[in-house]
C-alpha atoms as a PDB file:
ATOM      1  CA  UNK A   1      15.094-101.851   2.086  1.00  0.00           C
ATOM      2  CA  UNK A   2      11.486-101.522   3.196  1.00  0.00           C
ATOM      3  CA  UNK A   3       9.284 -98.431   3.115  1.00  0.00           C
ATOM      4  CA  UNK A   4       9.911 -97.650   6.771  1.00  0.00           C
ATOM      5  CA  UNK A   5      13.657 -97.234   6.167  1.00  0.00           C
ATOM      6  CA  UNK A   6      13.007 -95.038   3.126  1.00  0.00           C
ATOM      7  CA  UNK A   7      10.879 -92.683   5.195  1.00  0.00           C
ATOM      8  CA  UNK A   8      13.518 -92.460   7.903  1.00  0.00           C
ATOM      9  CA  UNK A   9      16.151 -91.481   5.346  1.00  0.00           C
ATOM     10  CA  UNK A  10      18.654 -94.256   5.963  1.00  0.00           C
ATOM     11  CA  UNK A  11      21.745 -94.020   3.809  1.00  0.00           C
ATOM     12  CA  UNK A  12      21.498 -97.623   2.655  1.00  0.00           C
ATOM     13  CA  UNK A  13      25.235 -98.256   3.060  1.00  0.00           C
ATOM     14  CA  UNK A  14      26.317 -96.112   0.098  1.00  0.00           C
ATOM     15  CA  UNK A  15      28.720 -94.149   2.327  1.00  0.00           C
ATOM     16  CA  UNK A  16      27.157 -90.765   1.608  1.00  0.00           C
ATOM     17  CA  UNK A  17      26.193 -88.853   4.709  1.00  0.00           C
ATOM     18  CA  UNK A  18      24.718 -85.410   4.882  1.00  0.00           C
ATOM     19  CA  UNK A  19      27.391 -82.977   5.925  1.00  0.00           C
ATOM     20  CA  UNK A  20      26.457 -80.325   8.403  1.00  0.00           C
ATOM     21  CA  UNK A  21      27.020 -76.832   7.114  1.00  0.00           C
ATOM     22  CA  UNK A  22      29.383 -74.833   9.260  1.00  0.00           C
ATOM     23  CA  UNK A  23      29.560 -71.086   9.324  1.00  0.00           C
ATOM     24  CA  UNK A  24      32.714 -69.605   7.845  1.00  0.00           C
ATOM     25  CA  UNK A  25      32.731 -66.989  10.606  1.00  0.00           C
ATOM     26  CA  UNK A  26      33.426 -67.793  14.233  1.00  0.00           C
ATOM     27  CA  UNK A  27      31.640 -65.022  16.095  1.00  0.00           C
ATOM     28  CA  UNK A  28      31.927 -66.735  19.484  1.00  0.00           C
ATOM     29  CA  UNK A  29      34.986 -64.628  20.341  1.00  0.00           C
ATOM     30  CA  UNK A  30      32.838 -61.485  19.968  1.00  0.00           C
ATOM     31  CA  UNK A  31      30.048 -62.606  22.313  1.00  0.00           C
ATOM     32  CA  UNK A  32      29.360 -59.962  24.990  1.00  0.00           C
ATOM     33  CA  UNK A  33      31.478 -57.444  23.035  1.00  0.00           C
ATOM     34  CA  UNK A  34      30.365 -54.468  20.989  1.00  0.00           C
ATOM     35  CA  UNK A  35      30.290 -55.057  17.241  1.00  0.00           C
ATOM     36  CA  UNK A  36      29.320 -52.887  14.291  1.00  0.00           C
ATOM     37  CA  UNK A  37      27.069 -54.294  11.571  1.00  0.00           C
ATOM     38  CA  UNK A  38      26.401 -52.932   8.085  1.00  0.00           C
ATOM     39  CA  UNK A  39      23.252 -54.036   6.286  1.00  0.00           C
ATOM     40  CA  UNK A  40      22.140 -54.248   2.678  1.00  0.00           C
ATOM     41  CA  UNK A  41      20.511 -50.936   1.879  1.00  0.00           C
ATOM     42  CA  UNK A  42      23.075 -48.875   3.789  1.00  0.00           C
ATOM     43  CA  UNK A  43      21.957 -49.017   7.416  1.00  0.00           C
ATOM     44  CA  UNK A  44      24.578 -49.363  10.153  1.00  0.00           C
ATOM     45  CA  UNK A  45      24.173 -50.363  13.778  1.00  0.00           C
ATOM     46  CA  UNK A  46      26.391 -51.117  16.754  1.00  0.00           C
ATOM     47  CA  UNK A  47      25.512 -53.229  19.769  1.00  0.00           C
ATOM     48  CA  UNK A  48      26.610 -55.935  22.182  1.00  0.00           C
ATOM     49  CA  UNK A  49      26.524 -59.363  20.511  1.00  0.00           C
ATOM     50  CA  UNK A  50      24.312 -61.669  22.604  1.00  0.00           C
ATOM     51  CA  UNK A  51      23.849 -64.534  20.156  1.00  0.00           C
ATOM     52  CA  UNK A  52      24.120 -65.763  16.559  1.00  0.00           C
ATOM     53  CA  UNK A  53      23.487 -68.802  14.392  1.00  0.00           C
ATOM     54  CA  UNK A  54      25.161 -70.326  11.297  1.00  0.00           C
ATOM     55  CA  UNK A  55      22.988 -68.169   9.003  1.00  0.00           C
ATOM     56  CA  UNK A  56      24.428 -65.020  10.662  1.00  0.00           C
ATOM     57  CA  UNK A  57      21.158 -64.076  12.303  1.00  0.00           C
ATOM     58  CA  UNK A  58      22.354 -61.846  15.149  1.00  0.00           C
ATOM     59  CA  UNK A  59      20.954 -60.755  18.490  1.00  0.00           C
ATOM     60  CA  UNK A  60      22.311 -57.364  19.578  1.00  0.00           C
ATOM     61  CA  UNK A  61      21.621 -55.580  22.864  1.00  0.00           C
ATOM     62  CA  UNK A  62      22.008 -51.856  23.658  1.00  0.00           C
ATOM     63  CA  UNK A  63      21.917 -51.240  19.912  1.00  0.00           C
ATOM     64  CA  UNK A  64      22.332 -47.802  18.374  1.00  0.00           C
ATOM     65  CA  UNK A  65      21.647 -47.075  14.721  1.00  0.00           C
ATOM     66  CA  UNK A  66      23.974 -44.642  12.963  1.00  0.00           C
ATOM     67  CA  UNK A  67      21.787 -42.443  10.780  1.00  0.00           C
ATOM     68  CA  UNK A  68      22.671 -41.230   7.293  1.00  0.00           C
ATOM     69  CA  UNK A  69      23.102 -37.604   6.251  1.00  0.00           C
ATOM     70  CA  UNK A  70      19.861 -36.577   4.469  1.00  0.00           C
ATOM     71  CA  UNK A  71      21.803 -34.465   1.935  1.00  0.00           C
ATOM     72  CA  UNK A  72      24.424 -37.128   1.141  1.00  0.00           C
ATOM     73  CA  UNK A  73      22.974 -40.649   1.400  1.00  0.00           C
ATOM     74  CA  UNK A  74      26.408 -42.342   1.359  1.00  0.00           C
ATOM     75  CA  UNK A  75      27.733 -40.318   4.299  1.00  0.00           C
ATOM     76  CA  UNK A  76      27.001 -41.034   7.949  1.00  0.00           C
ATOM     77  CA  UNK A  77      25.692 -38.183  10.070  1.00  0.00           C
ATOM     78  CA  UNK A  78      26.601 -37.694  13.717  1.00  0.00           C
ATOM     79  CA  UNK A  79      23.003 -38.538  14.663  1.00  0.00           C
ATOM     80  CA  UNK A  80      22.174 -41.876  16.276  1.00  0.00           C
ATOM     81  CA  UNK A  81      19.057 -43.444  17.707  1.00  0.00           C
ATOM     82  CA  UNK A  82      18.758 -46.092  20.380  1.00  0.00           C
ATOM     83  CA  UNK A  83      17.065 -49.333  19.336  1.00  0.00           C
ATOM     84  CA  UNK A  84      17.655 -51.539  22.400  1.00  0.00           C
ATOM     85  CA  UNK A  85      17.437 -55.308  21.822  1.00  0.00           C
ATOM     86  CA  UNK A  86      17.484 -56.167  18.106  1.00  0.00           C
ATOM     87  CA  UNK A  87      17.323 -59.381  16.072  1.00  0.00           C
ATOM     88  CA  UNK A  88      19.163 -58.899  12.761  1.00  0.00           C
ATOM     89  CA  UNK A  89      18.285 -61.145   9.843  1.00  0.00           C
ATOM     90  CA  UNK A  90      21.406 -62.821   8.477  1.00  0.00           C
ATOM     91  CA  UNK A  91      20.468 -62.428   4.801  1.00  0.00           C
ATOM     92  CA  UNK A  92      20.678 -58.630   5.110  1.00  0.00           C
ATOM     93  CA  UNK A  93      24.024 -58.544   6.961  1.00  0.00           C
ATOM     94  CA  UNK A  94      26.828 -57.294   4.712  1.00  0.00           C
ATOM     95  CA  UNK A  95      29.667 -56.620   7.165  1.00  0.00           C
ATOM     96  CA  UNK A  96      30.456 -57.418  10.792  1.00  0.00           C
ATOM     97  CA  UNK A  97      33.412 -55.840  12.570  1.00  0.00           C
ATOM     98  CA  UNK A  98      34.481 -55.185  16.173  1.00  0.00           C
ATOM     99  CA  UNK A  99      33.683 -51.682  17.411  1.00  0.00           C
ATOM    100  CA  UNK A 100      37.021 -51.254  19.202  1.00  0.00           C
ATOM    101  CA  UNK A 101      39.800 -50.134  16.905  1.00  0.00           C
ATOM    102  CA  UNK A 102      37.532 -48.925  14.092  1.00  0.00           C
ATOM    103  CA  UNK A 103      38.075 -45.438  12.749  1.00  0.00           C
ATOM    104  CA  UNK A 104      37.119 -43.646   9.556  1.00  0.00           C
ATOM    105  CA  UNK A 105      39.884 -42.948   7.018  1.00  0.00           C
ATOM    106  CA  UNK A 106      40.055 -40.749   3.932  1.00  0.00           C
ATOM    107  CA  UNK A 107      39.233 -42.437   0.634  1.00  0.00           C
ATOM    108  CA  UNK A 108      42.590 -42.795  -1.151  1.00  0.00           C
ATOM    109  CA  UNK A 109      40.909 -42.964  -4.576  1.00  0.00           C
ATOM    110  CA  UNK A 110      39.295 -39.518  -4.400  1.00  0.00           C
ATOM    111  CA  UNK A 111      41.423 -36.496  -5.313  1.00  0.00           C
ATOM    112  CA  UNK A 112      41.870 -34.475  -2.110  1.00  0.00           C
ATOM    113  CA  UNK A 113      41.643 -30.665  -2.150  1.00  0.00           C
ATOM    114  CA  UNK A 114      44.942 -29.193  -0.950  1.00  0.00           C
END
């Protein structure tokens, strides 16, 4: 094998080929639908999914951020703010779910006052 083939990265007949990494999530069924995204650090946003890549970088349109309660940082407030078109970095995405059919439930592990 000459130097030219080495630079081009030929496999040399050893049968090993680079495998393309595929995303474990197929978000194509959610294109043009509203999704909700939770990020590392606690932020949450909802918007129409316009595009994505295998690293889970997302493009959301008509995005609204759901703000946290200033007194209780783990509780969402009713306040929202409009963000418009947003590009979300995939490394900070923790959870992606469809907006339709999502509702808050009581935590079953906390003793409820009766």
